[in-house]
Amino acid sequence: MNSLFLNLYIKFQILMDREDGQDMVEYALAASLVAFGAVAGTRALAHGIGIAFSNISSNFNSAIS
């Protein structure tokens, strides 16, 4: 029974020492940073496009009147 727990402990220690999962976390953080930048850039672009269309609309309205 003790050898079973010892083997389990050794395998757990080997699992804890592995660094394979760190790469996945780093990729997830980088992807979330890119997504955050894309959302922020899209909001700024949408605001600018809205202002441009508003200016075009007011220019058309003043030209028609």
N, C-alpha and C. Protein backbone atom coordinates (compact mmCIF):
# COMPACT_ATOMS: atom_id res chain seq x y z
N MET A 1 0.81 -1.19 0.00
CA MET A 1 0.00 0.00 0.00
C MET A 1 0.86 1.26 0.00
N ASN A 2 1.95 1.21 0.78
CA ASN A 2 2.85 2.35 0.82
C ASN A 2 3.52 2.59 -0.52
N SER A 3 3.84 1.52 -1.24
CA SER A 3 4.48 1.69 -2.54
C SER A 3 3.51 2.34 -3.53
N LEU A 4 2.22 2.06 -3.38
CA LEU A 4 1.22 2.69 -4.25
C LEU A 4 1.19 4.20 -4.01
N PHE A 5 1.19 4.61 -2.74
CA PHE A 5 1.20 6.03 -2.43
C PHE A 5 2.51 6.69 -2.83
N LEU A 6 3.61 5.96 -2.69
CA LEU A 6 4.91 6.50 -3.10
C LEU A 6 4.94 6.71 -4.61
N ASN A 7 4.46 5.74 -5.38
CA ASN A 7 4.40 5.90 -6.83
C ASN A 7 3.48 7.05 -7.24
N LEU A 8 2.36 7.17 -6.55
CA LEU A 8 1.43 8.26 -6.82
C LEU A 8 2.08 9.61 -6.51
N TYR A 9 2.80 9.67 -5.40
CA TYR A 9 3.49 10.90 -5.02
C TYR A 9 4.57 11.26 -6.03
N ILE A 10 5.32 10.29 -6.48
CA ILE A 10 6.38 10.53 -7.46
C ILE A 10 5.79 11.01 -8.77
N LYS A 11 4.72 10.39 -9.22
CA LYS A 11 4.08 10.82 -10.47
C LYS A 11 3.50 12.22 -10.33
N PHE A 12 2.96 12.54 -9.17
CA PHE A 12 2.44 13.88 -8.93
C PHE A 12 3.56 14.92 -8.96
N GLN A 13 4.70 14.59 -8.37
CA GLN A 13 5.84 15.50 -8.38
C GLN A 13 6.36 15.71 -9.81
N ILE A 14 6.41 14.67 -10.59
CA ILE A 14 6.85 14.78 -11.98
C ILE A 14 5.88 15.68 -12.75
N LEU A 15 4.59 15.50 -12.49
CA LEU A 15 3.57 16.32 -13.15
C LEU A 15 3.72 17.78 -12.75
N MET A 16 4.02 18.06 -11.50
CA MET A 16 4.17 19.43 -11.02
C MET A 16 5.44 20.09 -11.58
N ASP A 17 6.47 19.30 -11.86
CA ASP A 17 7.72 19.85 -12.36
C ASP A 17 7.68 20.14 -13.86
N ARG A 18 6.73 19.55 -14.56
CA ARG A 18 6.64 19.77 -16.01
C ARG A 18 6.23 21.20 -16.29
N GLU A 19 6.73 21.76 -17.37
CA GLU A 19 6.43 23.13 -17.74
C GLU A 19 5.67 23.21 -19.06
N ASP A 20 5.07 22.12 -19.48
CA ASP A 20 4.35 22.12 -20.75
C ASP A 20 3.12 23.01 -20.70
N GLY A 21 2.44 23.07 -19.58
CA GLY A 21 1.21 23.84 -19.46
C GLY A 21 1.45 25.34 -19.46
N GLN A 22 2.66 25.76 -19.14
CA GLN A 22 2.96 27.20 -19.11
C GLN A 22 2.86 27.81 -20.49
N ASP A 23 3.24 27.09 -21.51
CA ASP A 23 3.15 27.62 -22.86
C ASP A 23 1.71 27.92 -23.23
N MET A 24 0.80 27.04 -22.85
CA MET A 24 -0.61 27.25 -23.15
C MET A 24 -1.14 28.49 -22.45
N VAL A 25 -0.73 28.70 -21.21
CA VAL A 25 -1.16 29.88 -20.48
C VAL A 25 -0.63 31.15 -21.14
N GLU A 26 0.63 31.11 -21.57
CA GLU A 26 1.21 32.27 -22.24
C GLU A 26 0.49 32.57 -23.55
N TYR A 27 0.16 31.55 -24.31
CA TYR A 27 -0.58 31.76 -25.55
C TYR A 27 -1.97 32.32 -25.26
N ALA A 28 -2.62 31.85 -24.22
CA ALA A 28 -3.94 32.35 -23.86
C ALA A 28 -3.88 33.82 -23.46
N LEU A 29 -2.86 34.19 -22.71
CA LEU A 29 -2.70 35.59 -22.33
C LEU A 29 -2.43 36.47 -23.54
N ALA A 30 -1.59 35.99 -24.44
CA ALA A 30 -1.31 36.77 -25.65
C ALA A 30 -2.55 36.91 -26.52
N ALA A 31 -3.33 35.84 -26.64
CA ALA A 31 -4.55 35.90 -27.44
C ALA A 31 -5.57 36.84 -26.81
N SER A 32 -5.67 36.85 -25.49
CA SER A 32 -6.61 37.76 -24.84
C SER A 32 -6.16 39.21 -25.00
N LEU A 33 -4.87 39.46 -24.99
CA LEU A 33 -4.37 40.81 -25.21
C LEU A 33 -4.66 41.29 -26.63
N VAL A 34 -4.48 40.42 -27.60
CA VAL A 34 -4.80 40.76 -28.99
C VAL A 34 -6.29 41.00 -29.14
N ALA A 35 -7.11 40.17 -28.51
CA ALA A 35 -8.57 40.35 -28.59
C ALA A 35 -8.99 41.67 -27.94
N PHE A 36 -8.39 42.01 -26.82
CA PHE A 36 -8.71 43.27 -26.16
C PHE A 36 -8.33 44.45 -27.05
N GLY A 37 -7.17 44.39 -27.69
CA GLY A 37 -6.76 45.45 -28.60
C GLY A 37 -7.67 45.56 -29.81
N ALA A 38 -8.11 44.42 -30.31
CA ALA A 38 -9.01 44.43 -31.47
C ALA A 38 -10.35 45.06 -31.10
N VAL A 39 -10.88 44.73 -29.92
CA VAL A 39 -12.16 45.31 -29.49
C VAL A 39 -12.02 46.81 -29.28
N ALA A 40 -10.95 47.23 -28.65
CA ALA A 40 -10.74 48.66 -28.42
C ALA A 40 -10.57 49.40 -29.75
N GLY A 41 -9.81 48.83 -30.67
CA GLY A 41 -9.62 49.45 -31.97
C GLY A 41 -10.90 49.50 -32.77
N THR A 42 -11.70 48.46 -32.69
CA THR A 42 -12.97 48.41 -33.42
C THR A 42 -13.94 49.46 -32.88
N ARG A 43 -13.97 49.63 -31.57
CA ARG A 43 -14.85 50.65 -30.99
C ARG A 43 -14.43 52.04 -31.44
N ALA A 44 -13.14 52.32 -31.45
CA ALA A 44 -12.66 53.63 -31.90
C ALA A 44 -12.97 53.83 -33.38
N LEU A 45 -12.77 52.81 -34.17
CA LEU A 45 -13.06 52.89 -35.60
C LEU A 45 -14.55 53.10 -35.84
N ALA A 46 -15.40 52.39 -35.09
CA ALA A 46 -16.84 52.54 -35.24
C ALA A 46 -17.28 53.95 -34.87
N HIS A 47 -16.69 54.50 -33.84
CA HIS A 47 -17.01 55.87 -33.44
C HIS A 47 -16.61 56.86 -34.54
N GLY A 48 -15.44 56.68 -35.11
CA GLY A 48 -14.98 57.55 -36.19
C GLY A 48 -15.86 57.43 -37.43
N ILE A 49 -16.26 56.23 -37.76
CA ILE A 49 -17.13 56.03 -38.92
C ILE A 49 -18.50 56.65 -38.67
N GLY A 50 -19.01 56.53 -37.46
CA GLY A 50 -20.29 57.15 -37.11
C GLY A 50 -20.23 58.66 -37.25
N ILE A 51 -19.16 59.27 -36.83
CA ILE A 51 -19.00 60.72 -36.97
C ILE A 51 -18.91 61.10 -38.44
N ALA A 52 -18.19 60.33 -39.22
CA ALA A 52 -18.06 60.63 -40.66
C ALA A 52 -19.41 60.56 -41.35
N PHE A 53 -20.20 59.52 -41.08
CA PHE A 53 -21.52 59.42 -41.69
C PHE A 53 -22.46 60.52 -41.21
N SER A 54 -22.33 60.91 -39.96
CA SER A 54 -23.14 62.01 -39.44
C SER A 54 -22.80 63.31 -40.17
N ASN A 55 -21.51 63.56 -40.41
CA ASN A 55 -21.10 64.75 -41.15
C ASN A 55 -21.61 64.70 -42.59
N ILE A 56 -21.52 63.55 -43.21
CA ILE A 56 -22.02 63.40 -44.60
C ILE A 56 -23.52 63.65 -44.64
N SER A 57 -24.25 63.11 -43.67
CA SER A 57 -25.69 63.29 -43.62
C SER A 57 -26.06 64.76 -43.45
N SER A 58 -25.37 65.45 -42.54
CA SER A 58 -25.69 66.88 -42.34
C SER A 58 -25.31 67.69 -43.57
N ASN A 59 -24.24 67.33 -44.28
CA ASN A 59 -23.87 68.05 -45.51
C ASN A 59 -24.91 67.82 -46.59
N PHE A 60 -25.43 66.59 -46.72
CA PHE A 60 -26.49 66.33 -47.70
C PHE A 60 -27.77 67.09 -47.36
N ASN A 61 -28.11 67.11 -46.07
CA ASN A 61 -29.31 67.83 -45.65
C ASN A 61 -29.19 69.32 -45.91
N SER A 62 -28.01 69.89 -45.66
CA SER A 62 -27.84 71.32 -45.91
C SER A 62 -27.79 71.61 -47.41
N ALA A 63 -27.30 70.68 -48.22
CA ALA A 63 -27.25 70.90 -49.66
C ALA A 63 -28.65 70.80 -50.28
N ILE A 64 -29.48 69.93 -49.72
CA ILE A 64 -30.84 69.75 -50.24
C ILE A 64 -31.71 70.92 -49.83
N SER A 65 -31.53 71.45 -48.63
CA SER A 65 -32.40 72.54 -48.12
C SER A 65 -32.08 73.87 -48.72
